[in-house]
Amino acid sequence: MPKTKVLVVGCGRVGKEVVTAVQESPDMELVGIVEQPHVVNDLRKKIKDIPVVTFEQVKELGNVDVAILAIGSRLIPEVAPLYLKMGMNTVDAYDIHAEGIVRLRRNLDVVAKENKVVAVIAAGWDPGTDSIVRALMEVIAPRGITYTNFGPGMSMGHTVAVKAIEGVEDAISITIPKGMGQHKRVVYVRVKDGYEFEKVAEKILSDPYFSHDETYVYKVNDVSSLVDMGHGVKIERKGVSASAHNQRMEFTMSINNPAATAQVMVAAARASLKQKPGCYTLLEIPLIDFLCGDLEQLICRLV
């Protein structure tokens, strides 16, 4: 069988892990990396065995089956349609929950169907695989309450969001679980010269990524010494199965955040080739489609 030709868009923390995950997938071939013009030359010097191009040069890479968008969530609504219109499937780890995901799904569904391709959105670990876990828990106990507790650890989406705020030179956002699905955000910021920390902190606190949570912002001189890619989640549900109350279930995971996100995105790229044109979340795709291997052998091993 020919290998799936994959393009990685963005080579930050997650993008680098996507590159590795694609290279280690026996059914995939990495055809190139897309980056912004001002970093392409430096990246070419560091990565000599993989084509590194700008968006304008993508067509020079030839046929591409799937573009994995390892970029910030706020860029996805603008960037994903560009690749869908080029005839590529797309996969992203868009992490603006609830209405944001529904709106993106609705918009990309139109573009994907018009161009006879597939978009898989919110394909990280949360939203993403954790979404599947929450759904499975509701299959077992349809009535009840589920609590999703993140951390403690570095949030990739929140860190990218705070770095984009004017006046921020570098930053990291740490998620701390309070229990019962409640969280605190602790943000450490190195401020650019000429900016007042207090005004930068106000912008962070008013950003939709942070405004709904208890958030603390601290000024530091060095962010790099605080970086730890470890993260985790604990999902708990207490509910009712048939007439039986007090059904309890729990899912716990401790992970390297970028590596886990990247691996899910690569699995979603594989699954995208098995879907009809349109836009999908992970909940809408058969779980077995994410796995590499013969269907019957997977059934024998996993069922």
C-alpha atoms as a PDB file:
ATOM      1  CA  MET A   1       0.000   0.000   0.000  1.00  0.00           C
ATOM      2  CA  PRO A   2       1.314   3.495  -0.821  1.00  0.00           C
ATOM      3  CA  LYS A   3       2.160   5.603   2.216  1.00  0.00           C
ATOM      4  CA  THR A   4       0.072   8.614   3.190  1.00  0.00           C
ATOM      5  CA  LYS A   5       1.886  11.806   2.230  1.00  0.00           C
ATOM      6  CA  VAL A   6       1.825  14.219   5.163  1.00  0.00           C
ATOM      7  CA  LEU A   7       2.699  17.905   5.358  1.00  0.00           C
ATOM      8  CA  VAL A   8       3.385  19.487   8.771  1.00  0.00           C
ATOM      9  CA  VAL A   9       2.407  23.145   9.087  1.00  0.00           C
ATOM     10  CA  GLY A  10       4.296  24.795  11.932  1.00  0.00           C
ATOM     11  CA  CYS A  11       7.445  23.556  13.639  1.00  0.00           C
ATOM     12  CA  GLY A  12       7.071  24.730  17.210  1.00  0.00           C
ATOM     13  CA  ARG A  13       6.904  22.434  20.227  1.00  0.00           C
ATOM     14  CA  VAL A  14       3.973  20.414  18.886  1.00  0.00           C
ATOM     15  CA  GLY A  15       5.099  20.570  15.266  1.00  0.00           C
ATOM     16  CA  LYS A  16       8.489  19.028  16.072  1.00  0.00           C
ATOM     17  CA  GLU A  17       6.741  16.136  17.820  1.00  0.00           C
ATOM     18  CA  VAL A  18       4.379  15.720  14.849  1.00  0.00           C
ATOM     19  CA  VAL A  19       7.401  15.410  12.564  1.00  0.00           C
ATOM     20  CA  THR A  20       8.797  12.618  14.730  1.00  0.00           C
ATOM     21  CA  ALA A  21       5.435  10.841  15.030  1.00  0.00           C
ATOM     22  CA  VAL A  22       4.930  10.894  11.243  1.00  0.00           C
ATOM     23  CA  GLN A  23       8.449   9.579  10.651  1.00  0.00           C
ATOM     24  CA  GLU A  24       7.800   6.697  13.064  1.00  0.00           C
ATOM     25  CA  SER A  25       4.456   5.768  11.481  1.00  0.00           C
ATOM     26  CA  PRO A  26       4.946   2.854   9.044  1.00  0.00           C
ATOM     27  CA  ASP A  27       2.030   3.961   6.878  1.00  0.00           C
ATOM     28  CA  MET A  28       3.099   7.602   6.458  1.00  0.00           C
ATOM     29  CA  GLU A  29       5.665   9.674   4.568  1.00  0.00           C
ATOM     30  CA  LEU A  30       6.680  13.184   5.608  1.00  0.00           C
ATOM     31  CA  VAL A  31       6.861  15.334   2.469  1.00  0.00           C
ATOM     32  CA  GLY A  32       7.712  18.678   4.057  1.00  0.00           C
ATOM     33  CA  ILE A  33       7.351  21.338   6.725  1.00  0.00           C
ATOM     34  CA  VAL A  34       5.697  24.735   6.235  1.00  0.00           C
ATOM     35  CA  GLU A  35       6.872  27.715   8.249  1.00  0.00           C
ATOM     36  CA  GLN A  36       6.723  31.470   8.153  1.00  0.00           C
ATOM     37  CA  PRO A  37       9.134  33.187   5.734  1.00  0.00           C
ATOM     38  CA  HIS A  38      11.263  34.798   8.450  1.00  0.00           C
ATOM     39  CA  VAL A  39      12.178  31.436  10.027  1.00  0.00           C
ATOM     40  CA  VAL A  40      12.424  29.195   6.946  1.00  0.00           C
ATOM     41  CA  ASN A  41      16.125  29.730   6.271  1.00  0.00           C
ATOM     42  CA  ASP A  42      17.184  29.084   9.876  1.00  0.00           C
ATOM     43  CA  LEU A  43      15.005  25.982  10.003  1.00  0.00           C
ATOM     44  CA  ARG A  44      16.513  24.657   6.769  1.00  0.00           C
ATOM     45  CA  LYS A  45      19.944  24.819   8.384  1.00  0.00           C
ATOM     46  CA  LYS A  46      18.716  22.760  11.345  1.00  0.00           C
ATOM     47  CA  ILE A  47      16.618  20.267   9.362  1.00  0.00           C
ATOM     48  CA  LYS A  48      18.530  19.277   6.245  1.00  0.00           C
ATOM     49  CA  ASP A  49      16.812  16.020   5.305  1.00  0.00           C
ATOM     50  CA  ILE A  50      13.240  17.414   5.125  1.00  0.00           C
ATOM     51  CA  PRO A  51      12.024  20.110   2.685  1.00  0.00           C
ATOM     52  CA  VAL A  52      11.145  23.307   4.554  1.00  0.00           C
ATOM     53  CA  VAL A  53       8.978  25.730   2.581  1.00  0.00           C
ATOM     54  CA  THR A  54       6.737  28.747   2.883  1.00  0.00           C
ATOM     55  CA  PHE A  55       3.033  28.491   2.086  1.00  0.00           C
ATOM     56  CA  GLU A  56       3.664  29.949  -1.374  1.00  0.00           C
ATOM     57  CA  GLN A  57       6.062  27.049  -2.101  1.00  0.00           C
ATOM     58  CA  VAL A  58       3.796  24.216  -0.968  1.00  0.00           C
ATOM     59  CA  LYS A  59       2.826  23.195  -4.502  1.00  0.00           C
ATOM     60  CA  GLU A  60       6.508  22.465  -5.222  1.00  0.00           C
ATOM     61  CA  LEU A  61       6.246  19.467  -2.862  1.00  0.00           C
ATOM     62  CA  GLY A  62       3.874  17.637  -5.191  1.00  0.00           C
ATOM     63  CA  ASN A  63       0.942  15.564  -4.018  1.00  0.00           C
ATOM     64  CA  VAL A  64      -0.015  15.899  -0.343  1.00  0.00           C
ATOM     65  CA  ASP A  65      -2.763  13.807   1.278  1.00  0.00           C
ATOM     66  CA  VAL A  66      -2.985  15.464   4.694  1.00  0.00           C
ATOM     67  CA  ALA A  67      -1.770  18.760   6.163  1.00  0.00           C
ATOM     68  CA  ILE A  68      -1.356  18.601   9.948  1.00  0.00           C
ATOM     69  CA  LEU A  69      -1.779  22.124  11.303  1.00  0.00           C
ATOM     70  CA  ALA A  70       0.484  22.417  14.353  1.00  0.00           C
ATOM     71  CA  ILE A  71      -0.341  26.085  14.875  1.00  0.00           C
ATOM     72  CA  GLY A  72      -2.219  28.209  17.394  1.00  0.00           C
ATOM     73  CA  SER A  73      -5.966  27.652  17.668  1.00  0.00           C
ATOM     74  CA  ARG A  74      -6.823  31.234  16.765  1.00  0.00           C
ATOM     75  CA  LEU A  75      -5.090  30.772  13.404  1.00  0.00           C
ATOM     76  CA  ILE A  76      -7.016  27.623  12.445  1.00  0.00           C
ATOM     77  CA  PRO A  77     -10.215  29.263  11.083  1.00  0.00           C
ATOM     78  CA  GLU A  78      -8.112  31.303   8.652  1.00  0.00           C
ATOM     79  CA  VAL A  79      -5.412  28.757   7.762  1.00  0.00           C
ATOM     80  CA  ALA A  80      -7.351  25.476   7.452  1.00  0.00           C
ATOM     81  CA  PRO A  81      -9.463  26.617   4.459  1.00  0.00           C
ATOM     82  CA  LEU A  82      -6.282  27.487   2.527  1.00  0.00           C
ATOM     83  CA  TYR A  83      -5.137  23.862   2.600  1.00  0.00           C
ATOM     84  CA  LEU A  84      -8.606  22.392   2.119  1.00  0.00           C
ATOM     85  CA  LYS A  85      -8.974  24.464  -1.051  1.00  0.00           C
ATOM     86  CA  MET A  86      -5.681  22.973  -2.280  1.00  0.00           C
ATOM     87  CA  GLY A  87      -7.256  19.522  -2.106  1.00  0.00           C
ATOM     88  CA  MET A  88      -5.636  18.357   1.136  1.00  0.00           C
ATOM     89  CA  ASN A  89      -7.260  16.880   4.203  1.00  0.00           C
ATOM     90  CA  THR A  90      -6.464  18.873   7.320  1.00  0.00           C
ATOM     91  CA  VAL A  91      -6.022  17.984  10.979  1.00  0.00           C
ATOM     92  CA  ASP A  92      -5.755  20.478  13.827  1.00  0.00           C
ATOM     93  CA  ALA A  93      -5.740  20.565  17.623  1.00  0.00           C
ATOM     94  CA  TYR A  94      -8.122  23.514  17.962  1.00  0.00           C
ATOM     95  CA  ASP A  95      -8.784  23.867  21.689  1.00  0.00           C
ATOM     96  CA  ILE A  96     -11.392  26.598  22.117  1.00  0.00           C
ATOM     97  CA  HIS A  97     -14.127  24.417  23.575  1.00  0.00           C
ATOM     98  CA  ALA A  98     -17.922  24.415  23.204  1.00  0.00           C
ATOM     99  CA  GLU A  99     -19.253  27.067  20.816  1.00  0.00           C
ATOM    100  CA  GLY A 100     -15.831  27.641  19.272  1.00  0.00           C
ATOM    101  CA  ILE A 101     -15.569  24.037  18.115  1.00  0.00           C
ATOM    102  CA  VAL A 102     -19.162  23.939  16.878  1.00  0.00           C
ATOM    103  CA  ARG A 103     -18.647  27.144  14.872  1.00  0.00           C
ATOM    104  CA  LEU A 104     -15.370  25.926  13.353  1.00  0.00           C
ATOM    105  CA  ARG A 105     -16.905  22.560  12.474  1.00  0.00           C
ATOM    106  CA  ARG A 106     -19.828  24.234  10.735  1.00  0.00           C
ATOM    107  CA  ASN A 107     -17.598  26.574   8.704  1.00  0.00           C
ATOM    108  CA  LEU A 108     -14.973  24.016   7.681  1.00  0.00           C
ATOM    109  CA  ASP A 109     -17.633  21.457   6.798  1.00  0.00           C
ATOM    110  CA  VAL A 110     -18.794  23.710   3.963  1.00  0.00           C
ATOM    111  CA  VAL A 111     -15.269  24.242   2.624  1.00  0.00           C
ATOM    112  CA  ALA A 112     -14.317  20.574   2.934  1.00  0.00           C
ATOM    113  CA  LYS A 113     -17.400  19.343   1.086  1.00  0.00           C
ATOM    114  CA  GLU A 114     -16.962  21.926  -1.668  1.00  0.00           C
ATOM    115  CA  ASN A 115     -13.426  20.660  -2.255  1.00  0.00           C
ATOM    116  CA  LYS A 116     -14.182  16.943  -1.642  1.00  0.00           C
ATOM    117  CA  VAL A 117     -11.745  16.656   1.265  1.00  0.00           C
ATOM    118  CA  VAL A 118     -11.871  16.058   5.018  1.00  0.00           C
ATOM    119  CA  ALA A 119     -11.110  18.302   7.989  1.00  0.00           C
ATOM    120  CA  VAL A 120     -10.609  16.770  11.440  1.00  0.00           C
ATOM    121  CA  ILE A 121     -10.728  19.425  14.155  1.00  0.00           C
ATOM    122  CA  ALA A 122      -9.957  19.523  17.892  1.00  0.00           C
ATOM    123  CA  ALA A 123      -7.762  16.442  17.485  1.00  0.00           C
ATOM    124  CA  GLY A 124      -5.588  16.749  20.571  1.00  0.00           C
ATOM    125  CA  TRP A 125      -5.947  15.039  23.923  1.00  0.00           C
ATOM    126  CA  ASP A 126      -8.415  17.625  25.256  1.00  0.00           C
ATOM    127  CA  PRO A 127     -10.473  18.325  23.316  1.00  0.00           C
ATOM    128  CA  GLY A 128      -9.852  15.067  21.488  1.00  0.00           C
ATOM    129  CA  THR A 129      -9.211  11.729  23.125  1.00  0.00           C
ATOM    130  CA  ASP A 130     -10.563  13.004  26.449  1.00  0.00           C
ATOM    131  CA  SER A 131     -13.774  13.827  24.575  1.00  0.00           C
ATOM    132  CA  ILE A 132     -14.028  10.150  23.639  1.00  0.00           C
ATOM    133  CA  VAL A 133     -13.469   9.139  27.277  1.00  0.00           C
ATOM    134  CA  ARG A 134     -16.213  11.486  28.468  1.00  0.00           C
ATOM    135  CA  ALA A 135     -18.592  10.087  25.856  1.00  0.00           C
ATOM    136  CA  LEU A 136     -17.754   6.494  26.849  1.00  0.00           C
ATOM    137  CA  MET A 137     -18.505   7.291  30.477  1.00  0.00           C
ATOM    138  CA  GLU A 138     -21.934   8.604  29.441  1.00  0.00           C
ATOM    139  CA  VAL A 139     -22.546   5.398  27.494  1.00  0.00           C
ATOM    140  CA  ILE A 140     -22.089   3.484  30.767  1.00  0.00           C
ATOM    141  CA  ALA A 141     -23.904   5.992  32.994  1.00  0.00           C
ATOM    142  CA  PRO A 142     -26.212   8.232  30.893  1.00  0.00           C
ATOM    143  CA  ARG A 143     -27.346  10.306  33.889  1.00  0.00           C
ATOM    144  CA  GLY A 144     -24.832  11.960  36.165  1.00  0.00           C
ATOM    145  CA  ILE A 145     -22.011  14.505  36.304  1.00  0.00           C
ATOM    146  CA  THR A 146     -18.527  14.331  34.788  1.00  0.00           C
ATOM    147  CA  TYR A 147     -15.632  16.336  36.201  1.00  0.00           C
ATOM    148  CA  THR A 148     -12.527  16.957  34.073  1.00  0.00           C
ATOM    149  CA  ASN A 149      -9.524  18.047  36.124  1.00  0.00           C
ATOM    150  CA  PHE A 150      -6.429  19.219  34.206  1.00  0.00           C
ATOM    151  CA  GLY A 151      -2.856  19.425  35.451  1.00  0.00           C
ATOM    152  CA  PRO A 152      -0.853  20.363  37.161  1.00  0.00           C
ATOM    153  CA  GLY A 153       1.115  21.238  34.064  1.00  0.00           C
ATOM    154  CA  MET A 154       1.842  23.579  31.187  1.00  0.00           C
ATOM    155  CA  SER A 155      -1.107  24.349  28.930  1.00  0.00           C
ATOM    156  CA  MET A 156       0.044  24.628  25.305  1.00  0.00           C
ATOM    157  CA  GLY A 157      -3.033  26.528  24.112  1.00  0.00           C
ATOM    158  CA  HIS A 158      -3.004  29.026  26.968  1.00  0.00           C
ATOM    159  CA  THR A 159       0.747  29.541  26.634  1.00  0.00           C
ATOM    160  CA  VAL A 160       0.432  30.283  22.911  1.00  0.00           C
ATOM    161  CA  ALA A 161      -2.442  32.664  23.651  1.00  0.00           C
ATOM    162  CA  VAL A 162      -0.557  34.658  26.273  1.00  0.00           C
ATOM    163  CA  LYS A 163       2.563  34.888  24.096  1.00  0.00           C
ATOM    164  CA  ALA A 164       0.466  36.562  21.402  1.00  0.00           C
ATOM    165  CA  ILE A 165      -0.567  39.398  23.718  1.00  0.00           C
ATOM    166  CA  GLU A 166       1.096  42.730  23.011  1.00  0.00           C
ATOM    167  CA  GLY A 167       3.970  43.460  25.365  1.00  0.00           C
ATOM    168  CA  VAL A 168       4.761  39.811  26.164  1.00  0.00           C
ATOM    169  CA  GLU A 169       8.329  38.761  25.343  1.00  0.00           C
ATOM    170  CA  ASP A 170       7.961  35.217  26.683  1.00  0.00           C
ATOM    171  CA  ALA A 171       5.473  33.407  28.901  1.00  0.00           C
ATOM    172  CA  ILE A 172       4.195  30.120  30.249  1.00  0.00           C
ATOM    173  CA  SER A 173       0.729  29.258  31.547  1.00  0.00           C
ATOM    174  CA  ILE A 174       0.393  26.575  34.188  1.00  0.00           C
ATOM    175  CA  THR A 175      -2.931  24.859  34.902  1.00  0.00           C
ATOM    176  CA  ILE A 176      -3.564  23.834  38.509  1.00  0.00           C
ATOM    177  CA  PRO A 177      -6.597  21.646  39.326  1.00  0.00           C
ATOM    178  CA  LYS A 178      -8.855  22.755  42.172  1.00  0.00           C
ATOM    179  CA  GLY A 179     -11.033  19.652  41.915  1.00  0.00           C
ATOM    180  CA  MET A 180     -14.632  19.130  40.749  1.00  0.00           C
ATOM    181  CA  GLY A 181     -13.663  20.404  37.290  1.00  0.00           C
ATOM    182  CA  GLN A 182     -12.448  23.793  38.553  1.00  0.00           C
ATOM    183  CA  HIS A 183      -8.984  25.194  37.730  1.00  0.00           C
ATOM    184  CA  LYS A 184      -6.544  27.966  38.474  1.00  0.00           C
ATOM    185  CA  ARG A 185      -4.255  29.488  35.838  1.00  0.00           C
ATOM    186  CA  VAL A 186      -0.829  30.693  36.912  1.00  0.00           C
ATOM    187  CA  VAL A 187       0.901  32.748  34.223  1.00  0.00           C
ATOM    188  CA  TYR A 188       4.566  33.719  34.313  1.00  0.00           C
ATOM    189  CA  VAL A 189       5.505  36.562  31.984  1.00  0.00           C
ATOM    190  CA  ARG A 190       8.664  38.250  30.777  1.00  0.00           C
ATOM    191  CA  VAL A 191       7.605  41.697  29.591  1.00  0.00           C
ATOM    192  CA  LYS A 192       9.095  43.440  26.554  1.00  0.00           C
ATOM    193  CA  ASP A 193      11.133  46.560  27.123  1.00  0.00           C
ATOM    194  CA  GLY A 194       8.981  49.673  27.174  1.00  0.00           C
ATOM    195  CA  TYR A 195       5.838  47.939  28.425  1.00  0.00           C
ATOM    196  CA  GLU A 196       4.352  48.141  31.915  1.00  0.00           C
ATOM    197  CA  PHE A 197       3.756  44.781  33.589  1.00  0.00           C
ATOM    198  CA  GLU A 198       0.478  45.905  35.175  1.00  0.00           C
ATOM    199  CA  LYS A 199      -1.070  46.821  31.803  1.00  0.00           C
ATOM    200  CA  VAL A 200       0.139  43.590  30.194  1.00  0.00           C
ATOM    201  CA  ALA A 201      -1.331  41.626  33.104  1.00  0.00           C
ATOM    202  CA  GLU A 202      -4.688  43.354  32.603  1.00  0.00           C
ATOM    203  CA  LYS A 203      -4.742  42.264  28.957  1.00  0.00           C
ATOM    204  CA  ILE A 204      -4.001  38.670  29.980  1.00  0.00           C
ATOM    205  CA  LEU A 205      -6.747  38.600  32.594  1.00  0.00           C
ATOM    206  CA  SER A 206      -9.310  39.926  30.111  1.00  0.00           C
ATOM    207  CA  ASP A 207      -8.393  37.437  27.361  1.00  0.00           C
ATOM    208  CA  PRO A 208     -11.134  34.782  26.811  1.00  0.00           C
ATOM    209  CA  TYR A 209      -8.559  32.043  27.452  1.00  0.00           C
ATOM    210  CA  PHE A 210      -8.178  33.290  31.030  1.00  0.00           C
ATOM    211  CA  SER A 211     -11.191  35.449  31.907  1.00  0.00           C
ATOM    212  CA  HIS A 212     -13.369  32.494  32.969  1.00  0.00           C
ATOM    213  CA  ASP A 213     -10.854  30.997  35.400  1.00  0.00           C
ATOM    214  CA  GLU A 214      -9.138  32.118  38.565  1.00  0.00           C
ATOM    215  CA  THR A 215      -5.913  33.498  37.095  1.00  0.00           C
ATOM    216  CA  TYR A 216      -2.700  34.851  38.634  1.00  0.00           C
ATOM    217  CA  VAL A 217      -0.042  36.651  36.593  1.00  0.00           C
ATOM    218  CA  TYR A 218       3.562  36.993  37.785  1.00  0.00           C
ATOM    219  CA  LYS A 219       6.489  38.880  36.317  1.00  0.00           C
ATOM    220  CA  VAL A 220       9.735  36.922  35.852  1.00  0.00           C
ATOM    221  CA  ASN A 221      13.097  37.575  34.230  1.00  0.00           C
ATOM    222  CA  ASP A 222      13.505  34.081  32.784  1.00  0.00           C
ATOM    223  CA  VAL A 223      10.701  31.824  31.556  1.00  0.00           C
ATOM    224  CA  SER A 224      12.865  29.017  30.133  1.00  0.00           C
ATOM    225  CA  SER A 225      13.787  27.749  33.600  1.00  0.00           C
ATOM    226  CA  LEU A 226      10.075  27.174  34.336  1.00  0.00           C
ATOM    227  CA  VAL A 227       9.252  25.082  31.260  1.00  0.00           C
ATOM    228  CA  ASP A 228       8.142  21.506  31.956  1.00  0.00           C
ATOM    229  CA  MET A 229       6.168  19.758  29.207  1.00  0.00           C
ATOM    230  CA  GLY A 230       4.492  17.388  31.636  1.00  0.00           C
ATOM    231  CA  HIS A 231       0.727  17.641  32.001  1.00  0.00           C
ATOM    232  CA  GLY A 232      -2.170  15.413  32.941  1.00  0.00           C
ATOM    233  CA  VAL A 233      -5.867  14.885  33.382  1.00  0.00           C
ATOM    234  CA  LYS A 234      -8.223  13.096  35.741  1.00  0.00           C
ATOM    235  CA  ILE A 235     -11.771  12.555  34.478  1.00  0.00           C
ATOM    236  CA  GLU A 236     -14.364  11.389  36.989  1.00  0.00           C
ATOM    237  CA  ARG A 237     -18.028  10.516  36.561  1.00  0.00           C
ATOM    238  CA  LYS A 238     -20.663   9.626  39.135  1.00  0.00           C
ATOM    239  CA  GLY A 239     -23.959   8.616  37.590  1.00  0.00           C
ATOM    240  CA  VAL A 240     -26.767   6.164  36.976  1.00  0.00           C
ATOM    241  CA  SER A 241     -26.810   2.977  34.878  1.00  0.00           C
ATOM    242  CA  ALA A 242     -30.373   1.723  34.285  1.00  0.00           C
ATOM    243  CA  SER A 243     -31.799   1.838  37.847  1.00  0.00           C
ATOM    244  CA  ALA A 244     -28.415   1.561  39.593  1.00  0.00           C
ATOM    245  CA  HIS A 245     -27.190   4.761  41.241  1.00  0.00           C
ATOM    246  CA  ASN A 246     -23.687   5.670  42.458  1.00  0.00           C
ATOM    247  CA  GLN A 247     -21.907   4.261  39.417  1.00  0.00           C
ATOM    248  CA  ARG A 248     -18.366   5.632  39.601  1.00  0.00           C
ATOM    249  CA  MET A 249     -15.629   5.646  36.982  1.00  0.00           C
ATOM    250  CA  GLU A 250     -12.286   7.362  36.623  1.00  0.00           C
ATOM    251  CA  PHE A 251      -9.693   7.974  33.905  1.00  0.00           C
ATOM    252  CA  THR A 252      -6.227   9.303  34.758  1.00  0.00           C
ATOM    253  CA  MET A 253      -3.407  10.242  32.416  1.00  0.00           C
ATOM    254  CA  SER A 254       0.021  11.822  32.967  1.00  0.00           C
ATOM    255  CA  ILE A 255       1.738  12.841  29.739  1.00  0.00           C
ATOM    256  CA  ASN A 256       4.260  14.896  27.837  1.00  0.00           C
ATOM    257  CA  ASN A 257       1.855  17.485  26.453  1.00  0.00           C
ATOM    258  CA  PRO A 258       3.308  18.199  22.962  1.00  0.00           C
ATOM    259  CA  ALA A 259       4.109  14.545  22.281  1.00  0.00           C
ATOM    260  CA  ALA A 260       0.617  13.345  23.203  1.00  0.00           C
ATOM    261  CA  THR A 261      -1.020  16.091  21.126  1.00  0.00           C
ATOM    262  CA  ALA A 262       1.175  15.249  18.148  1.00  0.00           C
ATOM    263  CA  GLN A 263       0.453  11.530  18.296  1.00  0.00           C
ATOM    264  CA  VAL A 264      -3.299  12.098  18.366  1.00  0.00           C
ATOM    265  CA  MET A 265      -3.047  14.447  15.385  1.00  0.00           C
ATOM    266  CA  VAL A 266      -1.113  11.854  13.402  1.00  0.00           C
ATOM    267  CA  ALA A 267      -3.731   9.205  14.229  1.00  0.00           C
ATOM    268  CA  ALA A 268      -6.434  11.648  13.108  1.00  0.00           C
ATOM    269  CA  ALA A 269      -4.573  12.180   9.829  1.00  0.00           C
ATOM    270  CA  ARG A 270      -4.783   8.432   9.242  1.00  0.00           C
ATOM    271  CA  ALA A 271      -8.483   8.384  10.110  1.00  0.00           C
ATOM    272  CA  SER A 272      -9.223  11.341   7.834  1.00  0.00           C
ATOM    273  CA  LEU A 273      -8.534   9.208   4.749  1.00  0.00           C
ATOM    274  CA  LYS A 274     -11.367   6.848   5.675  1.00  0.00           C
ATOM    275  CA  GLN A 275     -14.116   9.482   6.005  1.00  0.00           C
ATOM    276  CA  LYS A 276     -16.475  11.052   3.483  1.00  0.00           C
ATOM    277  CA  PRO A 277     -15.863  14.738   2.647  1.00  0.00           C
ATOM    278  CA  GLY A 278     -16.764  17.079   5.480  1.00  0.00           C
ATOM    279  CA  CYS A 279     -15.578  18.236   8.888  1.00  0.00           C
ATOM    280  CA  TYR A 280     -15.388  15.939  11.912  1.00  0.00           C
ATOM    281  CA  THR A 281     -14.493  15.933  15.588  1.00  0.00           C
ATOM    282  CA  LEU A 282     -12.954  12.780  17.050  1.00  0.00           C
ATOM    283  CA  LEU A 283     -16.327  11.794  18.510  1.00  0.00           C
ATOM    284  CA  GLU A 284     -17.738  11.317  15.008  1.00  0.00           C
ATOM    285  CA  ILE A 285     -15.034   8.979  13.696  1.00  0.00           C
ATOM    286  CA  PRO A 286     -14.955   5.208  14.353  1.00  0.00           C
ATOM    287  CA  LEU A 287     -12.212   4.613  16.898  1.00  0.00           C
ATOM    288  CA  ILE A 288     -10.632   1.821  14.892  1.00  0.00           C
ATOM    289  CA  ASP A 289      -9.999   4.234  11.998  1.00  0.00           C
ATOM    290  CA  PHE A 290      -7.284   5.950  14.043  1.00  0.00           C
ATOM    291  CA  LEU A 291      -5.198   2.773  14.311  1.00  0.00           C
ATOM    292  CA  CYS A 292      -2.591   1.465  11.914  1.00  0.00           C
ATOM    293  CA  GLY A 293      -2.975  -2.150  10.861  1.00  0.00           C
ATOM    294  CA  ASP A 294      -5.273  -4.789   9.423  1.00  0.00           C
ATOM    295  CA  LEU A 295      -8.905  -4.426  10.503  1.00  0.00           C
ATOM    296  CA  GLU A 296      -9.478  -8.051  11.507  1.00  0.00           C
ATOM    297  CA  GLN A 297      -6.183  -8.266  13.352  1.00  0.00           C
ATOM    298  CA  LEU A 298      -7.049  -5.124  15.302  1.00  0.00           C
ATOM    299  CA  ILE A 299     -10.444  -6.632  16.182  1.00  0.00           C
ATOM    300  CA  CYS A 300      -8.836  -9.882  17.352  1.00  0.00           C
ATOM    301  CA  ARG A 301      -6.319  -8.001  19.504  1.00  0.00           C
ATOM    302  CA  LEU A 302      -8.564  -5.332  20.999  1.00  0.00           C
ATOM    303  CA  VAL A 303     -12.110  -6.695  21.244  1.00  0.00           C
END
